[in-house]
Amino acid sequence: MSKAVILPQTERILATMGEQIKLARLRRHIPMYIIASRSGLSRQTVISIEKGLPSVSIGNYAMVLHALQGMDSELLNVCKDDKMGRTIQDLELKTPKRIRRR
């Protein structure tokens, strides 16, 4: 199995997301062991998530977000406002041709 290539920009995004997860936990005064217990993950996995490591599955990220008092619903915002995709879709819409009446 080959290792996935992660672009530097994506690594920075994951690191930022990990830091935001960590800050959300700290603002709520929830110790890491509680998040690990609630999510069913090891402390090391939670540490990896808070570092934004790409080797952690998205499912584990979701479990930690859920353990942070239901923040997993924030995942619904991913690609929600897809302006470019909607523009492309609109450009590809075909206008129906008029039908001639006899």
Foldseek 3Di string as FASTA:
>chain_A
DDDDDDDPVRQVVLQVQLCVLVVLCVVVVHDLVQLCVQLVHDSVLNVCSSRSPPVRDVVSVLSSCVSSVHNSVVVVVVCPCVPVVVVVVVVPDDDDDDDDDD
